[in-house]
N, C-alpha and C. Protein backbone atom coordinates (compact mmCIF):
# COMPACT_ATOMS: atom_id res chain seq x y z
N UNK A 1 -156.19 142.43 96.12
CA UNK A 1 -154.78 142.04 95.65
C UNK A 1 -154.76 140.37 95.44
N UNK A 2 -153.91 140.31 94.40
CA UNK A 2 -153.48 138.83 93.36
C UNK A 2 -154.46 138.95 92.25
N UNK A 3 -154.30 137.90 91.82
CA UNK A 3 -154.79 137.53 89.91
C UNK A 3 -156.03 137.64 89.92
N UNK A 4 -156.79 138.44 88.82
CA UNK A 4 -158.16 138.23 89.10
C UNK A 4 -158.34 138.21 86.91
N UNK A 5 -159.39 137.67 86.84
CA UNK A 5 -159.80 137.84 85.71
C UNK A 5 -161.22 138.27 85.13
N UNK A 6 -161.08 138.65 83.76
CA UNK A 6 -162.43 139.06 83.56
C UNK A 6 -162.86 138.80 82.32
N UNK A 7 -164.02 138.88 81.72
CA UNK A 7 -164.69 138.55 80.52
C UNK A 7 -165.99 139.43 80.30
N UNK A 8 -166.56 140.21 79.04
CA UNK A 8 -167.66 140.53 78.43
C UNK A 8 -168.51 140.05 77.77
N UNK A 9 -169.90 141.08 77.63
CA UNK A 9 -170.77 140.45 76.63
C UNK A 9 -171.35 141.82 76.71
N UNK A 10 -172.21 141.58 75.04
CA UNK A 10 -172.48 142.81 74.39
C UNK A 10 -174.03 142.23 74.57
N UNK A 11 -175.12 143.15 74.94
CA UNK A 11 -176.45 143.12 74.36
C UNK A 11 -176.80 143.95 73.77
N UNK A 12 -177.65 143.53 72.66
CA UNK A 12 -178.20 144.65 71.68
C UNK A 12 -179.87 144.47 71.29
N UNK A 13 -180.74 144.92 71.03
CA UNK A 13 -182.33 144.65 71.06
C UNK A 13 -182.29 143.27 71.61
N UNK A 14 -182.50 142.77 72.88
CA UNK A 14 -182.99 141.45 73.27
C UNK A 14 -181.74 140.51 73.24
N UNK A 15 -180.85 140.59 71.97
CA UNK A 15 -179.68 139.51 71.74
C UNK A 15 -178.46 140.37 72.62
N UNK A 16 -178.06 139.05 73.05
CA UNK A 16 -176.62 139.04 74.24
C UNK A 16 -175.66 138.15 73.17
N UNK A 17 -174.49 138.20 73.43
CA UNK A 17 -173.36 137.74 72.83
C UNK A 17 -172.99 136.60 73.63
N UNK A 18 -172.05 135.66 72.91
CA UNK A 18 -171.13 134.98 73.45
C UNK A 18 -170.41 135.91 74.43
N UNK A 19 -169.73 135.35 75.52
CA UNK A 19 -168.49 135.80 76.60
C UNK A 19 -167.47 135.98 75.64
N UNK A 20 -166.30 137.22 75.59
CA UNK A 20 -164.95 137.29 74.70
C UNK A 20 -164.19 136.37 75.92
N UNK A 21 -163.32 136.43 75.25
CA UNK A 21 -161.96 135.50 76.07
C UNK A 21 -161.64 135.96 77.02
N UNK A 22 -161.44 135.49 78.21
CA UNK A 22 -161.11 135.60 79.76
C UNK A 22 -159.88 136.61 79.86
N UNK A 23 -159.32 137.83 79.98
CA UNK A 23 -158.62 138.13 80.51
C UNK A 23 -157.91 138.13 81.80
N UNK A 24 -156.61 138.22 82.46
CA UNK A 24 -156.21 138.10 83.42
C UNK A 24 -155.56 139.50 83.77
N UNK A 25 -155.61 140.01 85.32
CA UNK A 25 -154.72 141.24 85.40
C UNK A 25 -154.40 140.95 86.71
N UNK A 26 -153.38 141.60 87.62
CA UNK A 26 -153.02 141.70 88.62
C UNK A 26 -153.23 142.95 89.33
N UNK A 27 -153.97 142.66 90.56
CA UNK A 27 -154.07 143.96 91.73
C UNK A 27 -152.80 144.02 92.63
N UNK A 28 -151.85 144.96 93.21
CA UNK A 28 -151.12 145.02 93.63
C UNK A 28 -150.76 146.33 94.16
N UNK A 29 -149.72 146.67 95.26
CA UNK A 29 -149.58 147.73 95.24
C UNK A 29 -148.82 149.16 94.47
N UNK A 30 -148.20 148.38 93.21
CA UNK A 30 -147.55 149.41 92.63
C UNK A 30 -148.03 149.49 91.26
N UNK A 31 -147.87 150.13 90.33
CA UNK A 31 -148.16 150.25 88.70
C UNK A 31 -146.98 149.38 87.93
N UNK A 32 -147.09 148.45 87.10
CA UNK A 32 -146.04 147.47 86.23
C UNK A 32 -146.83 148.07 84.85
N UNK A 33 -145.73 148.77 83.76
CA UNK A 33 -146.02 148.39 82.87
C UNK A 33 -145.84 146.98 82.04
N UNK A 34 -147.20 146.48 81.48
CA UNK A 34 -146.95 145.72 80.53
C UNK A 34 -146.04 145.60 79.40
N UNK A 35 -145.56 144.15 79.30
CA UNK A 35 -144.50 144.30 77.94
C UNK A 35 -145.69 144.16 76.53
N UNK A 36 -145.15 144.87 75.57
CA UNK A 36 -146.22 144.86 74.39
C UNK A 36 -146.86 143.22 74.01
N UNK A 37 -147.39 143.56 73.19
CA UNK A 37 -148.10 142.12 72.53
C UNK A 37 -147.17 141.78 71.58
N UNK A 38 -146.71 140.66 71.77
CA UNK A 38 -146.00 139.72 70.53
C UNK A 38 -146.32 139.87 69.07
N UNK A 39 -147.72 139.82 68.99
CA UNK A 39 -148.22 140.34 67.51
C UNK A 39 -149.38 141.31 67.82
N UNK A 40 -149.48 142.22 66.80
CA UNK A 40 -150.58 142.91 66.47
C UNK A 40 -152.44 142.40 66.38
N UNK A 41 -153.26 142.96 67.22
CA UNK A 41 -154.20 142.27 67.23
C UNK A 41 -154.88 141.87 66.05
N UNK A 42 -155.51 141.12 66.00
CA UNK A 42 -156.25 140.64 64.39
C UNK A 42 -157.73 141.85 63.87
N UNK A 43 -157.94 141.83 64.67
CA UNK A 43 -159.28 142.76 64.65
C UNK A 43 -158.96 144.22 65.77
N UNK A 44 -159.71 145.03 65.79
CA UNK A 44 -160.32 146.14 66.76
C UNK A 44 -159.02 147.19 66.61
N UNK A 45 -157.84 147.24 66.37
CA UNK A 45 -156.85 148.04 66.50
C UNK A 45 -157.10 149.53 65.13
N UNK A 46 -157.91 150.46 65.81
CA UNK A 46 -158.60 151.37 64.60
C UNK A 46 -156.84 151.98 64.12
N UNK A 47 -156.45 152.36 65.26
CA UNK A 47 -155.41 153.27 65.11
C UNK A 47 -154.15 152.73 64.70
N UNK A 48 -154.13 151.64 63.96
CA UNK A 48 -152.46 150.64 64.16
C UNK A 48 -151.36 150.96 64.63
N UNK A 49 -151.54 150.95 66.13
CA UNK A 49 -150.32 151.07 66.81
C UNK A 49 -150.24 149.87 67.38
N UNK A 50 -150.70 148.66 66.96
CA UNK A 50 -150.81 147.31 67.46
C UNK A 50 -151.08 147.29 69.01
N UNK A 51 -152.19 147.83 69.50
CA UNK A 51 -152.84 147.96 70.72
C UNK A 51 -154.27 148.41 70.32
N UNK A 52 -154.67 147.41 71.16
CA UNK A 52 -156.77 147.69 71.31
C UNK A 52 -156.78 148.53 72.95
N UNK A 53 -157.02 149.83 72.89
CA UNK A 53 -156.89 150.43 74.25
C UNK A 53 -158.06 151.98 74.13
N UNK A 54 -157.91 152.60 74.75
CA UNK A 54 -158.67 154.05 74.79
C UNK A 54 -158.91 155.00 73.89
N UNK A 55 -157.13 154.41 73.15
CA UNK A 55 -157.40 155.76 71.72
C UNK A 55 -158.60 154.95 70.67
N UNK A 56 -158.29 153.43 70.56
CA UNK A 56 -159.30 152.77 69.75
C UNK A 56 -160.67 153.06 70.28
N UNK A 57 -160.81 152.73 71.40
CA UNK A 57 -162.42 152.89 71.92
C UNK A 57 -163.05 154.84 71.58
N UNK A 58 -162.09 155.54 72.04
CA UNK A 58 -162.69 157.14 71.47
C UNK A 58 -162.57 157.27 70.29
N UNK A 59 -161.97 156.62 69.38
CA UNK A 59 -162.04 156.69 68.13
C UNK A 59 -163.63 156.05 67.40
N UNK A 60 -164.04 154.88 68.34
CA UNK A 60 -165.35 154.14 67.92
C UNK A 60 -166.37 155.01 68.48
N UNK A 61 -166.18 155.37 69.50
CA UNK A 61 -167.32 156.39 70.37
C UNK A 61 -167.39 157.40 69.54
N UNK A 62 -166.39 158.26 69.01
CA UNK A 62 -167.09 159.09 68.27
C UNK A 62 -167.97 158.93 66.76
N UNK A 63 -167.87 157.73 66.38
CA UNK A 63 -168.54 157.52 65.24
C UNK A 63 -170.02 156.68 65.95
N UNK A 64 -170.00 156.20 67.10
CA UNK A 64 -171.45 155.64 67.81
C UNK A 64 -172.73 156.18 67.23
N UNK A 65 -173.50 155.52 66.34
CA UNK A 65 -174.70 155.56 66.05
C UNK A 65 -174.51 157.03 65.20
N UNK A 66 -173.58 157.32 64.66
CA UNK A 66 -173.61 158.36 63.53
C UNK A 66 -173.38 157.43 61.95
N UNK A 67 -173.67 158.64 61.17
CA UNK A 67 -172.86 157.66 59.82
C UNK A 67 -171.39 158.14 59.66
N UNK A 68 -170.94 157.06 59.39
CA UNK A 68 -169.55 156.87 59.26
C UNK A 68 -169.34 157.77 57.91
N UNK A 69 -167.94 157.91 58.22
CA UNK A 69 -167.15 158.46 56.53
C UNK A 69 -166.73 157.77 55.86
N UNK A 70 -166.75 158.22 54.52
CA UNK A 70 -165.94 157.06 53.27
C UNK A 70 -164.44 156.57 54.19
N UNK A 71 -163.55 157.67 54.44
CA UNK A 71 -162.43 157.33 54.90
C UNK A 71 -162.58 156.37 56.40
N UNK A 72 -163.64 156.63 57.23
CA UNK A 72 -163.53 155.72 58.25
C UNK A 72 -164.41 154.20 57.79
N UNK A 73 -164.96 154.19 57.20
CA UNK A 73 -165.80 152.80 56.68
C UNK A 73 -165.26 151.97 56.22
N UNK A 74 -163.67 152.36 55.86
CA UNK A 74 -162.46 151.79 55.20
C UNK A 74 -162.17 150.83 56.66
N UNK A 75 -162.05 151.70 57.42
CA UNK A 75 -161.49 151.35 58.85
C UNK A 75 -162.42 150.31 59.47
N UNK A 76 -163.49 150.90 59.45
CA UNK A 76 -164.66 149.50 59.92
C UNK A 76 -164.96 148.56 59.43
N UNK A 77 -164.67 148.31 58.22
CA UNK A 77 -164.45 147.31 57.63
C UNK A 77 -163.38 146.08 58.03
N UNK A 78 -162.44 146.98 57.86
CA UNK A 78 -161.32 146.15 58.43
C UNK A 78 -160.80 145.16 59.84
N UNK A 79 -160.89 146.51 60.68
CA UNK A 79 -160.81 146.27 62.27
C UNK A 79 -162.23 146.18 62.93
N UNK A 80 -163.33 146.51 62.34
CA UNK A 80 -164.56 146.28 63.40
C UNK A 80 -165.31 144.84 62.60
N UNK A 81 -166.72 144.99 62.97
CA UNK A 81 -167.38 144.17 62.04
C UNK A 81 -168.45 144.21 60.46
N UNK A 82 -167.60 145.18 60.43
CA UNK A 82 -167.96 145.40 58.66
C UNK A 82 -169.38 145.80 58.24
N UNK A 83 -170.02 146.26 59.09
CA UNK A 83 -171.43 146.09 58.71
C UNK A 83 -171.79 148.09 58.27
N UNK A 84 -170.81 148.49 58.20
CA UNK A 84 -170.98 150.24 57.75
C UNK A 84 -171.70 151.09 58.85
N UNK A 85 -171.16 150.36 59.82
CA UNK A 85 -171.59 151.52 61.27
C UNK A 85 -171.13 151.08 62.81
N UNK A 86 -171.00 152.15 63.43
CA UNK A 86 -170.42 151.46 65.10
C UNK A 86 -171.40 151.48 66.01
N UNK A 87 -171.62 150.01 66.60
CA UNK A 87 -172.88 149.50 67.24
C UNK A 87 -172.38 149.14 68.78
N UNK A 88 -173.07 148.46 69.21
CA UNK A 88 -172.85 147.76 70.50
C UNK A 88 -171.73 146.72 69.96
N UNK A 89 -172.17 145.92 68.82
CA UNK A 89 -171.37 144.47 68.58
C UNK A 89 -169.99 145.06 68.37
N UNK A 90 -169.90 146.35 67.44
CA UNK A 90 -168.46 146.72 67.46
C UNK A 90 -167.53 146.64 68.77
N UNK A 91 -168.02 147.49 69.55
CA UNK A 91 -167.43 147.42 70.94
C UNK A 91 -167.48 146.09 71.67
N UNK A 92 -168.08 145.21 71.26
CA UNK A 92 -168.13 143.77 72.09
C UNK A 92 -166.53 143.41 71.32
N UNK A 93 -166.41 143.69 70.32
CA UNK A 93 -165.21 142.70 69.18
C UNK A 93 -163.97 143.71 69.81
N UNK A 94 -164.42 145.10 70.56
CA UNK A 94 -162.92 145.18 70.86
C UNK A 94 -162.51 145.10 72.33
N UNK A 95 -163.41 144.60 73.31
CA UNK A 95 -163.62 144.31 74.25
C UNK A 95 -162.67 142.73 74.50
N UNK A 96 -162.96 142.04 73.11
CA UNK A 96 -162.32 140.58 73.13
C UNK A 96 -160.55 140.93 72.68
N UNK A 97 -160.52 141.96 71.74
CA UNK A 97 -159.50 142.27 71.54
C UNK A 97 -158.55 143.18 72.47
N UNK A 98 -158.78 143.63 73.46
CA UNK A 98 -158.83 144.52 74.18
C UNK A 98 -156.99 144.33 74.74
N UNK A 99 -155.88 145.18 74.74
CA UNK A 99 -154.98 145.16 75.43
C UNK A 99 -154.57 145.78 76.17
N UNK A 100 -155.35 147.12 76.80
CA UNK A 100 -154.77 147.75 77.32
C UNK A 100 -154.03 149.00 77.11
C-alpha cells in the first residue's frame, strides 16, 4: 500500500544501460484511471496514440529479432533508436517513456 517508485535498465551483450527515469505509482484498494499525459511522448509511441503502453510493446515485440518491413522501418527510425532493427535497446527506450 502507498506510493512506490520504479526504474529499469537494459542489458545486451555484456553492456548495461543507465537507469531510466523513475516513475511513481500508487498501490491501493481500488483502480483509478490516470489522467492522460499533457503532451505526447518524444519517443516509443509506435501507434501514435500519445501513450507508450502494452500496444506499443506488442508491436515492437512482433518485430523483435526479425527483419523489419520498409513500412515499420520508418516508425522504428522515428520512435525507437533508428538502427533498423528491434532489440533490447528499443525496449529500454520504451521503458523510459512508458505511460501505461
